[in-house]
Amino acid sequence: MQWELKSDRPIYTQILEEMKKRIVSGYYKPGEKLLAVRELAQEARVNPNTMQKAMTELERENLVYTMRTTGRYITEDTDLIDETKKELAQSHVAYFYKQLEALGYQKKEMIELLKLYEEDKG
């Protein structure tokens, strides 16, 4: 999976979001060992300190844990992963809703747009 970091927002925030997305989507499996911070940083083309900051935050949120001498692993708590997935989805929906509301759309019209999008996609 490619890292697509942009200059419009802090890199640390984007790394954190990308790692969460990778965890909740199953790209990283529960209990899977992660690459070392330096390797992840090299893969994402960012400073290792920036990657370390994101990893520390993921540990604080219990999505990642460290085992001394062996490295970092993805949590095996699938309930936490599901909860995080729901939170991410809700934030995307809230953003989508606010953006369309700013364009003057009503809830019913938003639902129609989603239906049309799904039909066109399929």
C-alpha atoms as a PDB file:
ATOM      1  CA  MET A   1       0.000   0.000   0.000  1.00  0.00           C
ATOM      2  CA  GLN A   2       1.407   3.336  -1.079  1.00  0.00           C
ATOM      3  CA  TRP A   3       1.913   6.223   1.334  1.00  0.00           C
ATOM      4  CA  GLU A   4       0.193   9.318  -0.060  1.00  0.00           C
ATOM      5  CA  LEU A   5       1.242  12.168   2.202  1.00  0.00           C
ATOM      6  CA  LYS A   6       0.396  15.713   1.203  1.00  0.00           C
ATOM      7  CA  SER A   7       1.752  19.053   2.338  1.00  0.00           C
ATOM      8  CA  ASP A   8      -1.681  20.493   3.199  1.00  0.00           C
ATOM      9  CA  ARG A   9      -1.773  18.944   6.700  1.00  0.00           C
ATOM     10  CA  PRO A  10       0.778  17.907   9.322  1.00  0.00           C
ATOM     11  CA  ILE A  11       2.663  14.766   8.267  1.00  0.00           C
ATOM     12  CA  TYR A  12       2.341  13.257  11.756  1.00  0.00           C
ATOM     13  CA  THR A  13      -1.475  13.460  11.532  1.00  0.00           C
ATOM     14  CA  GLN A  14      -1.487  11.870   8.090  1.00  0.00           C
ATOM     15  CA  ILE A  15       0.769   9.020   9.237  1.00  0.00           C
ATOM     16  CA  LEU A  16      -1.475   8.389  12.221  1.00  0.00           C
ATOM     17  CA  GLU A  17      -4.573   8.311   9.991  1.00  0.00           C
ATOM     18  CA  GLU A  18      -2.886   6.048   7.446  1.00  0.00           C
ATOM     19  CA  MET A  19      -1.739   3.591  10.110  1.00  0.00           C
ATOM     20  CA  LYS A  20      -5.231   3.470  11.620  1.00  0.00           C
ATOM     21  CA  LYS A  21      -6.689   2.916   8.160  1.00  0.00           C
ATOM     22  CA  ARG A  22      -4.251   0.077   7.553  1.00  0.00           C
ATOM     23  CA  ILE A  23      -5.149  -1.509  10.890  1.00  0.00           C
ATOM     24  CA  VAL A  24      -8.948  -1.290  10.535  1.00  0.00           C
ATOM     25  CA  SER A  25      -8.931  -2.358   6.875  1.00  0.00           C
ATOM     26  CA  GLY A  26      -7.019  -5.540   7.637  1.00  0.00           C
ATOM     27  CA  TYR A  27      -3.870  -4.517   5.765  1.00  0.00           C
ATOM     28  CA  TYR A  28      -2.152  -5.155   9.098  1.00  0.00           C
ATOM     29  CA  LYS A  29      -3.604  -8.196  10.835  1.00  0.00           C
ATOM     30  CA  PRO A  30      -4.249  -8.373  14.600  1.00  0.00           C
ATOM     31  CA  GLY A  31      -1.052  -9.500  16.310  1.00  0.00           C
ATOM     32  CA  GLU A  32       1.104  -8.792  13.243  1.00  0.00           C
ATOM     33  CA  LYS A  33       4.613  -7.510  13.837  1.00  0.00           C
ATOM     34  CA  LEU A  34       5.277  -4.081  12.351  1.00  0.00           C
ATOM     35  CA  LEU A  35       8.445  -3.018  10.617  1.00  0.00           C
ATOM     36  CA  ALA A  36      10.910  -1.070  12.734  1.00  0.00           C
ATOM     37  CA  VAL A  37      10.279   2.673  12.979  1.00  0.00           C
ATOM     38  CA  ARG A  38      13.242   3.441  10.741  1.00  0.00           C
ATOM     39  CA  GLU A  39      11.984   1.042   8.070  1.00  0.00           C
ATOM     40  CA  LEU A  40       8.444   2.440   8.234  1.00  0.00           C
ATOM     41  CA  ALA A  41       9.842   5.965   8.038  1.00  0.00           C
ATOM     42  CA  GLN A  42      11.942   5.029   5.019  1.00  0.00           C
ATOM     43  CA  GLU A  43       8.926   3.390   3.353  1.00  0.00           C
ATOM     44  CA  ALA A  44       6.797   6.524   3.970  1.00  0.00           C
ATOM     45  CA  ARG A  45       9.713   8.836   3.144  1.00  0.00           C
ATOM     46  CA  VAL A  46       9.451  10.735   6.428  1.00  0.00           C
ATOM     47  CA  ASN A  47      11.740  11.564   9.323  1.00  0.00           C
ATOM     48  CA  PRO A  48      12.033   8.649  11.795  1.00  0.00           C
ATOM     49  CA  ASN A  49      11.155  11.033  14.654  1.00  0.00           C
ATOM     50  CA  THR A  50       7.850  11.829  12.953  1.00  0.00           C
ATOM     51  CA  MET A  51       7.091   8.132  12.532  1.00  0.00           C
ATOM     52  CA  GLN A  52       8.074   7.489  16.152  1.00  0.00           C
ATOM     53  CA  LYS A  53       5.650  10.182  17.310  1.00  0.00           C
ATOM     54  CA  ALA A  54       2.812   8.492  15.383  1.00  0.00           C
ATOM     55  CA  MET A  55       3.750   5.059  16.761  1.00  0.00           C
ATOM     56  CA  THR A  56       3.731   6.448  20.292  1.00  0.00           C
ATOM     57  CA  GLU A  57       0.226   7.805  19.736  1.00  0.00           C
ATOM     58  CA  LEU A  58      -0.947   4.457  18.354  1.00  0.00           C
ATOM     59  CA  GLU A  59       0.442   2.803  21.494  1.00  0.00           C
ATOM     60  CA  ARG A  60      -1.343   5.354  23.668  1.00  0.00           C
ATOM     61  CA  GLU A  61      -4.572   4.440  21.872  1.00  0.00           C
ATOM     62  CA  ASN A  62      -3.743   0.721  22.404  1.00  0.00           C
ATOM     63  CA  LEU A  63      -3.843  -0.058  18.681  1.00  0.00           C
ATOM     64  CA  VAL A  64      -0.172  -1.020  18.818  1.00  0.00           C
ATOM     65  CA  TYR A  65       1.890  -2.501  21.629  1.00  0.00           C
ATOM     66  CA  THR A  66       5.597  -2.997  22.165  1.00  0.00           C
ATOM     67  CA  MET A  67       7.279  -6.161  23.330  1.00  0.00           C
ATOM     68  CA  ARG A  68      10.761  -5.546  24.627  1.00  0.00           C
ATOM     69  CA  THR A  69      13.471  -6.746  22.288  1.00  0.00           C
ATOM     70  CA  THR A  70      11.050  -7.971  19.603  1.00  0.00           C
ATOM     71  CA  GLY A  71       9.336  -4.808  18.403  1.00  0.00           C
ATOM     72  CA  ARG A  72       5.865  -3.410  17.880  1.00  0.00           C
ATOM     73  CA  TYR A  73       2.739  -5.388  17.129  1.00  0.00           C
ATOM     74  CA  ILE A  74      -0.834  -4.645  16.111  1.00  0.00           C
ATOM     75  CA  THR A  75      -3.327  -5.129  18.919  1.00  0.00           C
ATOM     76  CA  GLU A  76      -5.219  -8.394  19.021  1.00  0.00           C
ATOM     77  CA  ASP A  77      -8.239  -6.590  20.497  1.00  0.00           C
ATOM     78  CA  THR A  78     -10.650  -6.894  17.565  1.00  0.00           C
ATOM     79  CA  ASP A  79     -13.345  -4.972  19.474  1.00  0.00           C
ATOM     80  CA  LEU A  80     -10.971  -1.993  19.711  1.00  0.00           C
ATOM     81  CA  ILE A  81     -10.174  -2.307  16.008  1.00  0.00           C
ATOM     82  CA  ASP A  82     -13.897  -2.382  15.162  1.00  0.00           C
ATOM     83  CA  GLU A  83     -14.552   0.607  17.425  1.00  0.00           C
ATOM     84  CA  THR A  84     -11.728   2.542  15.749  1.00  0.00           C
ATOM     85  CA  LYS A  85     -13.098   1.631  12.323  1.00  0.00           C
ATOM     86  CA  LYS A  86     -16.523   2.967  13.324  1.00  0.00           C
ATOM     87  CA  GLU A  87     -14.978   6.206  14.678  1.00  0.00           C
ATOM     88  CA  LEU A  88     -13.043   6.746  11.442  1.00  0.00           C
ATOM     89  CA  ALA A  89     -16.161   6.118   9.364  1.00  0.00           C
ATOM     90  CA  GLN A  90     -18.197   8.511  11.500  1.00  0.00           C
ATOM     91  CA  SER A  91     -15.615  11.262  11.073  1.00  0.00           C
ATOM     92  CA  HIS A  92     -15.692  10.777   7.285  1.00  0.00           C
ATOM     93  CA  VAL A  93     -19.493  10.882   7.273  1.00  0.00           C
ATOM     94  CA  ALA A  94     -19.492  14.045   9.406  1.00  0.00           C
ATOM     95  CA  TYR A  95     -17.029  15.716   7.019  1.00  0.00           C
ATOM     96  CA  PHE A  96     -19.058  14.625   3.987  1.00  0.00           C
ATOM     97  CA  TYR A  97     -22.279  15.865   5.583  1.00  0.00           C
ATOM     98  CA  LYS A  98     -20.805  19.260   6.494  1.00  0.00           C
ATOM     99  CA  GLN A  99     -19.357  19.745   3.016  1.00  0.00           C
ATOM    100  CA  LEU A 100     -22.630  18.959   1.257  1.00  0.00           C
ATOM    101  CA  GLU A 101     -24.624  20.977   3.770  1.00  0.00           C
ATOM    102  CA  ALA A 102     -22.383  23.950   2.948  1.00  0.00           C
ATOM    103  CA  LEU A 103     -23.333  23.457  -0.702  1.00  0.00           C
ATOM    104  CA  GLY A 104     -26.999  23.685   0.256  1.00  0.00           C
ATOM    105  CA  TYR A 105     -27.926  20.007   0.138  1.00  0.00           C
ATOM    106  CA  GLN A 106     -30.577  18.564   2.433  1.00  0.00           C
ATOM    107  CA  LYS A 107     -30.324  15.131   4.024  1.00  0.00           C
ATOM    108  CA  LYS A 108     -32.690  13.553   1.474  1.00  0.00           C
ATOM    109  CA  GLU A 109     -30.640  14.946  -1.416  1.00  0.00           C
ATOM    110  CA  MET A 110     -27.420  13.631   0.138  1.00  0.00           C
ATOM    111  CA  ILE A 111     -28.900  10.151   0.319  1.00  0.00           C
ATOM    112  CA  GLU A 112     -29.901  10.401  -3.349  1.00  0.00           C
ATOM    113  CA  LEU A 113     -26.364  11.456  -4.273  1.00  0.00           C
ATOM    114  CA  LEU A 114     -24.982   8.413  -2.453  1.00  0.00           C
ATOM    115  CA  LYS A 115     -27.424   6.120  -4.256  1.00  0.00           C
ATOM    116  CA  LEU A 116     -26.504   7.636  -7.626  1.00  0.00           C
ATOM    117  CA  TYR A 117     -22.816   7.309  -6.849  1.00  0.00           C
ATOM    118  CA  GLU A 118     -23.252   3.645  -5.954  1.00  0.00           C
ATOM    119  CA  GLU A 119     -25.229   2.971  -9.142  1.00  0.00           C
ATOM    120  CA  ASP A 120     -22.648   4.730 -11.336  1.00  0.00           C
ATOM    121  CA  LYS A 121     -19.804   2.923  -9.608  1.00  0.00           C
ATOM    122  CA  GLY A 122     -21.309  -0.528 -10.136  1.00  0.00           C
END
